[in-house]
Amino acid sequence: MRFFVGMFALLGCLVTVPVAAQKNVVAAPARATPPLTTDTQNLLLLDLSTGGRVTIWLRPDVAPLMVERIKTLTRQHFYDGLAFHRVIDGFMAQGGDPKGDGTGGSTLPDVKAEFNYLPHVRGAVSAARSDKEDSANSQFFIVFQPRLSLDKKYTVFGRVLDGMQYVDAIQRGEPPANPSRIVHAYIAADNPPAYVAGPPAPALGAPVTLPGTASGPDAAKPKLAPATRKAPAKKAPAKK
């Protein structure tokens, strides 16, 4: 009988030790619930000069300060007309600078860093900053291709839901020769107008045939200019 009692006592200790050890485990903080992707209060609309509207899902659950900054500046029409001044193929498109050279921002104070668990994947929208962590202000960048090395070093505050093709069409360059722009920025809850495409390029007139040029199917083909040759220098007449 003692054998069984001893065994039960031993089993009891084995069962209770893990329970006691769990008291010292610190539970991870619960993640805040993200807004619905249909929540118009948290949808940023960017009408781009590349031909369409981009819908960005804002994430106040992980970056409330930066989301509030974006909403404030958008409602002040701060972003209307601003260029994407730094666009690196295969990496990202950066905009939101009124100076257009990466050194500018709004008149509001800088935003404290809100590094979070959201990754820098395709379509992620993240706050640009200087070497100081708490220096984000108005500038942001949209990721073309995953760049996970930036995770928890920059504040991801949104993700493109629709219109990524218009982001892909943004002109590349640092700065681009002919930069793409944010025509208008809106918060969806503010009942913005529908996207209106910019005026089409002016139509060219009827083809003109210049005198002396060929006609027919080969007429439209570009002609290479002949190599320029210098006329031979004239020799001075021999003295008699």
C-alpha atoms as a PDB file:
ATOM      1  CA  MET A   1       0.000   0.000   0.000  1.00  0.00           C
ATOM      2  CA  ARG A   2       2.821   2.373   0.811  1.00  0.00           C
ATOM      3  CA  PHE A   3       4.165   1.848  -2.693  1.00  0.00           C
ATOM      4  CA  PHE A   4       1.032   3.206  -4.335  1.00  0.00           C
ATOM      5  CA  VAL A   5       0.735   6.106  -1.929  1.00  0.00           C
ATOM      6  CA  GLY A   6       4.338   7.012  -2.611  1.00  0.00           C
ATOM      7  CA  MET A   7       3.787   6.798  -6.338  1.00  0.00           C
ATOM      8  CA  PHE A   8       0.703   9.016  -6.158  1.00  0.00           C
ATOM      9  CA  ALA A   9       2.632  11.546  -4.071  1.00  0.00           C
ATOM     10  CA  LEU A  10       5.451  11.534  -6.600  1.00  0.00           C
ATOM     11  CA  LEU A  11       3.037  11.981  -9.498  1.00  0.00           C
ATOM     12  CA  GLY A  12       1.409  14.826  -7.623  1.00  0.00           C
ATOM     13  CA  CYS A  13       4.748  16.622  -7.384  1.00  0.00           C
ATOM     14  CA  LEU A  14       5.396  16.094 -11.085  1.00  0.00           C
ATOM     15  CA  VAL A  15       2.044  17.590 -11.925  1.00  0.00           C
ATOM     16  CA  THR A  16       2.287  20.600  -9.626  1.00  0.00           C
ATOM     17  CA  VAL A  17       5.837  21.673 -10.529  1.00  0.00           C
ATOM     18  CA  PRO A  18       4.982  22.944 -14.038  1.00  0.00           C
ATOM     19  CA  VAL A  19       1.949  24.781 -12.675  1.00  0.00           C
ATOM     20  CA  ALA A  20       4.100  26.528 -10.088  1.00  0.00           C
ATOM     21  CA  ALA A  21       6.706  27.367 -12.719  1.00  0.00           C
ATOM     22  CA  GLN A  22       4.072  28.977 -14.912  1.00  0.00           C
ATOM     23  CA  LYS A  23       3.514  31.672 -12.276  1.00  0.00           C
ATOM     24  CA  ASN A  24       6.860  33.206 -13.232  1.00  0.00           C
ATOM     25  CA  VAL A  25       6.057  33.367 -16.960  1.00  0.00           C
ATOM     26  CA  VAL A  26       5.171  36.880 -18.150  1.00  0.00           C
ATOM     27  CA  ALA A  27       2.285  36.831 -20.601  1.00  0.00           C
ATOM     28  CA  ALA A  28       2.830  38.642 -23.893  1.00  0.00           C
ATOM     29  CA  PRO A  29       0.725  41.805 -24.203  1.00  0.00           C
ATOM     30  CA  ALA A  30      -2.436  41.303 -26.196  1.00  0.00           C
ATOM     31  CA  ARG A  31      -2.439  42.836 -29.651  1.00  0.00           C
ATOM     32  CA  ALA A  32      -4.975  45.553 -30.311  1.00  0.00           C
ATOM     33  CA  THR A  33      -7.689  44.690 -32.799  1.00  0.00           C
ATOM     34  CA  PRO A  34      -7.034  46.222 -36.226  1.00  0.00           C
ATOM     35  CA  PRO A  35      -9.812  48.193 -37.933  1.00  0.00           C
ATOM     36  CA  LEU A  36     -11.837  46.504 -40.631  1.00  0.00           C
ATOM     37  CA  THR A  37     -10.579  46.954 -44.173  1.00  0.00           C
ATOM     38  CA  THR A  38     -13.977  48.524 -44.900  1.00  0.00           C
ATOM     39  CA  ASP A  39     -13.648  51.138 -42.135  1.00  0.00           C
ATOM     40  CA  THR A  40     -13.677  54.388 -44.115  1.00  0.00           C
ATOM     41  CA  GLN A  41     -12.170  56.290 -41.190  1.00  0.00           C
ATOM     42  CA  ASN A  42      -8.991  54.310 -41.754  1.00  0.00           C
ATOM     43  CA  LEU A  43      -8.741  54.261 -45.533  1.00  0.00           C
ATOM     44  CA  LEU A  44      -6.317  56.703 -47.144  1.00  0.00           C
ATOM     45  CA  LEU A  45      -6.945  57.432 -50.824  1.00  0.00           C
ATOM     46  CA  LEU A  46      -4.126  58.713 -53.018  1.00  0.00           C
ATOM     47  CA  ASP A  47      -4.994  59.897 -56.519  1.00  0.00           C
ATOM     48  CA  LEU A  48      -1.726  59.590 -58.417  1.00  0.00           C
ATOM     49  CA  SER A  49      -0.584  61.230 -61.619  1.00  0.00           C
ATOM     50  CA  THR A  50       0.260  57.722 -62.863  1.00  0.00           C
ATOM     51  CA  GLY A  51      -3.396  57.165 -63.735  1.00  0.00           C
ATOM     52  CA  GLY A  52      -5.469  55.960 -60.806  1.00  0.00           C
ATOM     53  CA  ARG A  53      -6.456  55.856 -57.149  1.00  0.00           C
ATOM     54  CA  VAL A  54      -4.535  53.927 -54.494  1.00  0.00           C
ATOM     55  CA  THR A  55      -6.398  52.707 -51.399  1.00  0.00           C
ATOM     56  CA  ILE A  56      -4.291  52.329 -48.251  1.00  0.00           C
ATOM     57  CA  TRP A  57      -5.525  50.571 -45.107  1.00  0.00           C
ATOM     58  CA  LEU A  58      -4.325  52.564 -42.108  1.00  0.00           C
ATOM     59  CA  ARG A  59      -3.384  50.714 -38.904  1.00  0.00           C
ATOM     60  CA  PRO A  60      -4.028  52.801 -35.779  1.00  0.00           C
ATOM     61  CA  ASP A  61      -3.865  49.593 -33.731  1.00  0.00           C
ATOM     62  CA  VAL A  62      -0.069  49.502 -34.158  1.00  0.00           C
ATOM     63  CA  ALA A  63       0.842  53.105 -35.066  1.00  0.00           C
ATOM     64  CA  PRO A  64      -1.825  55.464 -33.681  1.00  0.00           C
ATOM     65  CA  LEU A  65       0.425  58.540 -33.652  1.00  0.00           C
ATOM     66  CA  MET A  66       1.561  58.208 -37.264  1.00  0.00           C
ATOM     67  CA  VAL A  67      -1.937  57.374 -38.491  1.00  0.00           C
ATOM     68  CA  GLU A  68      -3.304  60.457 -36.758  1.00  0.00           C
ATOM     69  CA  ARG A  69      -0.554  62.566 -38.346  1.00  0.00           C
ATOM     70  CA  ILE A  70      -1.380  61.241 -41.827  1.00  0.00           C
ATOM     71  CA  LYS A  71      -5.083  61.956 -41.311  1.00  0.00           C
ATOM     72  CA  THR A  72      -4.414  65.469 -40.051  1.00  0.00           C
ATOM     73  CA  LEU A  73      -2.133  66.401 -42.953  1.00  0.00           C
ATOM     74  CA  THR A  74      -4.432  64.800 -45.507  1.00  0.00           C
ATOM     75  CA  ARG A  75      -7.386  66.845 -44.265  1.00  0.00           C
ATOM     76  CA  GLN A  76      -5.217  69.977 -44.495  1.00  0.00           C
ATOM     77  CA  HIS A  77      -4.557  69.095 -48.194  1.00  0.00           C
ATOM     78  CA  PHE A  78      -0.856  68.958 -47.320  1.00  0.00           C
ATOM     79  CA  TYR A  79      -0.113  66.097 -49.712  1.00  0.00           C
ATOM     80  CA  ASP A  80      -1.944  67.476 -52.741  1.00  0.00           C
ATOM     81  CA  GLY A  81       0.561  68.061 -55.538  1.00  0.00           C
ATOM     82  CA  LEU A  82       3.616  66.645 -53.743  1.00  0.00           C
ATOM     83  CA  ALA A  83       6.079  64.564 -55.755  1.00  0.00           C
ATOM     84  CA  PHE A  84       7.638  61.173 -55.114  1.00  0.00           C
ATOM     85  CA  HIS A  85      11.176  62.502 -54.868  1.00  0.00           C
ATOM     86  CA  ARG A  86      13.103  59.262 -54.211  1.00  0.00           C
ATOM     87  CA  VAL A  87      12.058  56.140 -56.086  1.00  0.00           C
ATOM     88  CA  ILE A  88      14.332  53.091 -56.200  1.00  0.00           C
ATOM     89  CA  ASP A  89      13.374  50.248 -58.522  1.00  0.00           C
ATOM     90  CA  GLY A  90      12.801  46.992 -56.635  1.00  0.00           C
ATOM     91  CA  PHE A  91      12.747  48.839 -53.304  1.00  0.00           C
ATOM     92  CA  MET A  92      10.332  51.702 -52.628  1.00  0.00           C
ATOM     93  CA  ALA A  93       8.774  55.057 -53.606  1.00  0.00           C
ATOM     94  CA  GLN A  94       9.200  57.896 -51.089  1.00  0.00           C
ATOM     95  CA  GLY A  95       7.076  61.055 -50.967  1.00  0.00           C
ATOM     96  CA  GLY A  96       5.396  63.501 -48.646  1.00  0.00           C
ATOM     97  CA  ASP A  97       8.139  66.164 -48.660  1.00  0.00           C
ATOM     98  CA  PRO A  98       7.035  69.721 -49.528  1.00  0.00           C
ATOM     99  CA  LYS A  99      10.644  70.622 -50.397  1.00  0.00           C
ATOM    100  CA  GLY A 100      10.938  67.712 -52.808  1.00  0.00           C
ATOM    101  CA  ASP A 101      14.473  66.783 -51.782  1.00  0.00           C
ATOM    102  CA  GLY A 102      13.963  64.589 -48.707  1.00  0.00           C
ATOM    103  CA  THR A 103      14.811  67.273 -46.133  1.00  0.00           C
ATOM    104  CA  GLY A 104      11.351  68.739 -45.576  1.00  0.00           C
ATOM    105  CA  GLY A 105       8.324  68.049 -43.434  1.00  0.00           C
ATOM    106  CA  SER A 106       5.246  69.665 -41.966  1.00  0.00           C
ATOM    107  CA  THR A 107       5.166  72.416 -39.343  1.00  0.00           C
ATOM    108  CA  LEU A 108       3.903  69.884 -36.791  1.00  0.00           C
ATOM    109  CA  PRO A 109       6.353  68.281 -34.341  1.00  0.00           C
ATOM    110  CA  ASP A 110       8.052  64.998 -35.179  1.00  0.00           C
ATOM    111  CA  VAL A 111       6.293  61.753 -34.305  1.00  0.00           C
ATOM    112  CA  LYS A 112       7.640  59.257 -31.778  1.00  0.00           C
ATOM    113  CA  ALA A 113       8.721  55.933 -33.269  1.00  0.00           C
ATOM    114  CA  GLU A 114       6.101  53.175 -33.199  1.00  0.00           C
ATOM    115  CA  PHE A 115       8.068  50.169 -34.400  1.00  0.00           C
ATOM    116  CA  ASN A 116       5.758  47.161 -34.537  1.00  0.00           C
ATOM    117  CA  TYR A 117       5.313  43.628 -35.827  1.00  0.00           C
ATOM    118  CA  LEU A 118       4.078  44.565 -39.321  1.00  0.00           C
ATOM    119  CA  PRO A 119       6.637  43.563 -41.997  1.00  0.00           C
ATOM    120  CA  HIS A 120       7.990  45.633 -44.868  1.00  0.00           C
ATOM    121  CA  VAL A 121       6.396  43.492 -47.566  1.00  0.00           C
ATOM    122  CA  ARG A 122       5.101  44.550 -50.984  1.00  0.00           C
ATOM    123  CA  GLY A 123       2.534  47.307 -50.534  1.00  0.00           C
ATOM    124  CA  ALA A 124       3.564  48.170 -46.966  1.00  0.00           C
ATOM    125  CA  VAL A 125       3.427  51.901 -46.174  1.00  0.00           C
ATOM    126  CA  SER A 126       6.025  53.060 -43.674  1.00  0.00           C
ATOM    127  CA  ALA A 127       7.150  56.342 -42.109  1.00  0.00           C
ATOM    128  CA  ALA A 128      10.390  57.808 -43.451  1.00  0.00           C
ATOM    129  CA  ARG A 129      12.770  59.270 -40.889  1.00  0.00           C
ATOM    130  CA  SER A 130      16.308  60.529 -40.389  1.00  0.00           C
ATOM    131  CA  ASP A 131      18.966  58.742 -38.320  1.00  0.00           C
ATOM    132  CA  LYS A 132      16.986  59.677 -35.197  1.00  0.00           C
ATOM    133  CA  GLU A 133      14.327  57.091 -34.401  1.00  0.00           C
ATOM    134  CA  ASP A 134      11.783  59.694 -33.271  1.00  0.00           C
ATOM    135  CA  SER A 135      12.071  61.905 -36.359  1.00  0.00           C
ATOM    136  CA  ALA A 136       9.168  60.784 -38.575  1.00  0.00           C
ATOM    137  CA  ASN A 137       6.976  63.693 -39.658  1.00  0.00           C
ATOM    138  CA  SER A 138       5.157  63.823 -43.009  1.00  0.00           C
ATOM    139  CA  GLN A 139       7.249  61.665 -45.329  1.00  0.00           C
ATOM    140  CA  PHE A 140       6.412  58.039 -46.062  1.00  0.00           C
ATOM    141  CA  PHE A 141       7.398  55.290 -48.465  1.00  0.00           C
ATOM    142  CA  ILE A 142       5.545  52.492 -50.229  1.00  0.00           C
ATOM    143  CA  VAL A 143       7.426  49.217 -50.642  1.00  0.00           C
ATOM    144  CA  PHE A 144       7.725  47.638 -54.124  1.00  0.00           C
ATOM    145  CA  GLN A 145       9.393  44.401 -53.022  1.00  0.00           C
ATOM    146  CA  PRO A 146       9.904  42.908 -49.519  1.00  0.00           C
ATOM    147  CA  ARG A 147      12.672  44.525 -47.491  1.00  0.00           C
ATOM    148  CA  LEU A 148      12.440  42.722 -44.148  1.00  0.00           C
ATOM    149  CA  SER A 149      15.749  44.195 -42.954  1.00  0.00           C
ATOM    150  CA  LEU A 150      13.762  47.381 -42.202  1.00  0.00           C
ATOM    151  CA  ASP A 151      11.366  45.613 -39.816  1.00  0.00           C
ATOM    152  CA  LYS A 152      11.199  47.186 -36.345  1.00  0.00           C
ATOM    153  CA  LYS A 153      13.489  49.983 -37.551  1.00  0.00           C
ATOM    154  CA  TYR A 154      10.801  51.996 -39.346  1.00  0.00           C
ATOM    155  CA  THR A 155       7.137  52.454 -38.451  1.00  0.00           C
ATOM    156  CA  VAL A 156       4.800  50.528 -40.748  1.00  0.00           C
ATOM    157  CA  PHE A 157       1.405  52.226 -40.492  1.00  0.00           C
ATOM    158  CA  GLY A 158      -0.529  50.921 -43.491  1.00  0.00           C
ATOM    159  CA  ARG A 159      -0.827  48.599 -46.464  1.00  0.00           C
ATOM    160  CA  VAL A 160      -1.996  49.104 -50.039  1.00  0.00           C
ATOM    161  CA  LEU A 161      -5.307  47.319 -50.591  1.00  0.00           C
ATOM    162  CA  ASP A 162      -6.012  48.439 -54.146  1.00  0.00           C
ATOM    163  CA  GLY A 163      -4.266  50.317 -56.948  1.00  0.00           C
ATOM    164  CA  MET A 164      -0.747  48.919 -56.504  1.00  0.00           C
ATOM    165  CA  GLN A 165      -0.351  49.063 -60.278  1.00  0.00           C
ATOM    166  CA  TYR A 166      -0.374  52.868 -60.033  1.00  0.00           C
ATOM    167  CA  VAL A 167       2.365  52.698 -57.396  1.00  0.00           C
ATOM    168  CA  ASP A 168       4.413  50.430 -59.666  1.00  0.00           C
ATOM    169  CA  ALA A 169       4.115  53.058 -62.415  1.00  0.00           C
ATOM    170  CA  ILE A 170       5.741  55.832 -60.321  1.00  0.00           C
ATOM    171  CA  GLN A 171       8.767  57.279 -62.143  1.00  0.00           C
ATOM    172  CA  ARG A 172      12.114  56.031 -60.817  1.00  0.00           C
ATOM    173  CA  GLY A 173      15.013  58.264 -59.849  1.00  0.00           C
ATOM    174  CA  GLU A 174      16.739  60.072 -56.973  1.00  0.00           C
ATOM    175  CA  PRO A 175      15.156  62.427 -57.914  1.00  0.00           C
ATOM    176  CA  PRO A 176      13.231  61.352 -61.012  1.00  0.00           C
ATOM    177  CA  ALA A 177      13.645  63.528 -64.088  1.00  0.00           C
ATOM    178  CA  ASN A 178       9.861  63.817 -64.388  1.00  0.00           C
ATOM    179  CA  PRO A 179       8.512  62.881 -60.937  1.00  0.00           C
ATOM    180  CA  SER A 180       5.102  61.328 -60.395  1.00  0.00           C
ATOM    181  CA  ARG A 181       2.841  63.192 -57.980  1.00  0.00           C
ATOM    182  CA  ILE A 182       0.004  62.842 -55.518  1.00  0.00           C
ATOM    183  CA  VAL A 183      -2.725  64.788 -57.294  1.00  0.00           C
ATOM    184  CA  HIS A 184      -5.089  64.592 -54.304  1.00  0.00           C
ATOM    185  CA  ALA A 185      -5.144  62.726 -50.987  1.00  0.00           C
ATOM    186  CA  TYR A 186      -8.345  61.956 -49.088  1.00  0.00           C
ATOM    187  CA  ILE A 187      -9.688  60.049 -46.100  1.00  0.00           C
ATOM    188  CA  ALA A 188     -12.485  57.835 -47.426  1.00  0.00           C
ATOM    189  CA  ALA A 189     -14.883  58.866 -44.622  1.00  0.00           C
ATOM    190  CA  ASP A 190     -14.814  62.468 -45.890  1.00  0.00           C
ATOM    191  CA  ASN A 191     -16.859  61.551 -48.981  1.00  0.00           C
ATOM    192  CA  PRO A 192     -14.205  62.407 -51.599  1.00  0.00           C
ATOM    193  CA  PRO A 193     -15.154  62.767 -55.255  1.00  0.00           C
ATOM    194  CA  ALA A 194     -14.548  59.896 -57.623  1.00  0.00           C
ATOM    195  CA  TYR A 195     -11.154  59.706 -59.247  1.00  0.00           C
ATOM    196  CA  VAL A 196     -10.902  61.893 -62.315  1.00  0.00           C
ATOM    197  CA  ALA A 197      -8.167  61.108 -64.819  1.00  0.00           C
ATOM    198  CA  GLY A 198      -5.906  63.942 -65.879  1.00  0.00           C
ATOM    199  CA  PRO A 199      -6.292  65.517 -69.313  1.00  0.00           C
ATOM    200  CA  PRO A 200      -5.063  63.310 -72.152  1.00  0.00           C
ATOM    201  CA  ALA A 201      -1.913  64.200 -74.026  1.00  0.00           C
ATOM    202  CA  PRO A 202      -2.641  66.610 -76.885  1.00  0.00           C
ATOM    203  CA  ALA A 203      -3.331  64.832 -80.147  1.00  0.00           C
ATOM    204  CA  LEU A 204      -0.846  65.296 -82.950  1.00  0.00           C
ATOM    205  CA  GLY A 205      -1.974  66.625 -86.304  1.00  0.00           C
ATOM    206  CA  ALA A 206      -2.077  64.662 -89.539  1.00  0.00           C
ATOM    207  CA  PRO A 207       1.266  63.250 -90.719  1.00  0.00           C
ATOM    208  CA  VAL A 208       3.261  65.674 -92.803  1.00  0.00           C
ATOM    209  CA  THR A 209       5.486  64.556 -95.676  1.00  0.00           C
ATOM    210  CA  LEU A 210       8.474  66.811 -95.998  1.00  0.00           C
ATOM    211  CA  PRO A 211       9.764  67.661 -99.485  1.00  0.00           C
ATOM    212  CA  GLY A 212      12.328  65.204-100.708  1.00  0.00           C
ATOM    213  CA  THR A 213      11.412  62.413 -98.284  1.00  0.00           C
ATOM    214  CA  ALA A 214      10.317  58.938 -99.267  1.00  0.00           C
ATOM    215  CA  SER A 215       6.710  57.896 -99.198  1.00  0.00           C
ATOM    216  CA  GLY A 216       5.196  54.525 -98.494  1.00  0.00           C
ATOM    217  CA  PRO A 217       5.768  52.049 -95.624  1.00  0.00           C
ATOM    218  CA  ASP A 218       9.397  53.035 -95.137  1.00  0.00           C
ATOM    219  CA  ALA A 219       8.629  56.728 -94.781  1.00  0.00           C
ATOM    220  CA  ALA A 220       7.934  56.507 -91.025  1.00  0.00           C
ATOM    221  CA  LYS A 221      11.183  54.724 -90.239  1.00  0.00           C
ATOM    222  CA  PRO A 222      13.829  56.943 -88.678  1.00  0.00           C
ATOM    223  CA  LYS A 223      16.795  57.644 -90.852  1.00  0.00           C
ATOM    224  CA  LEU A 224      20.307  57.708 -89.457  1.00  0.00           C
ATOM    225  CA  ALA A 225      22.218  60.882 -90.173  1.00  0.00           C
ATOM    226  CA  PRO A 226      25.269  60.308 -92.373  1.00  0.00           C
ATOM    227  CA  ALA A 227      28.646  60.638 -90.770  1.00  0.00           C
ATOM    228  CA  THR A 228      29.931  64.156 -90.922  1.00  0.00           C
ATOM    229  CA  ARG A 229      33.079  64.457 -92.954  1.00  0.00           C
ATOM    230  CA  LYS A 230      35.336  67.437 -93.092  1.00  0.00           C
ATOM    231  CA  ALA A 231      36.128  68.789 -96.525  1.00  0.00           C
ATOM    232  CA  PRO A 232      39.802  68.322 -97.435  1.00  0.00           C
ATOM    233  CA  ALA A 233      41.864  71.431 -96.828  1.00  0.00           C
ATOM    234  CA  LYS A 234      42.857  73.275 -99.968  1.00  0.00           C
ATOM    235  CA  LYS A 235      46.554  73.356-100.719  1.00  0.00           C
ATOM    236  CA  ALA A 236      48.180  76.702-101.332  1.00  0.00           C
ATOM    237  CA  PRO A 237      49.324  77.104-104.947  1.00  0.00           C
ATOM    238  CA  ALA A 238      52.951  76.388-105.537  1.00  0.00           C
ATOM    239  CA  LYS A 239      55.124  79.381-105.973  1.00  0.00           C
ATOM    240  CA  LYS A 240      56.618  79.803-109.423  1.00  0.00           C
END
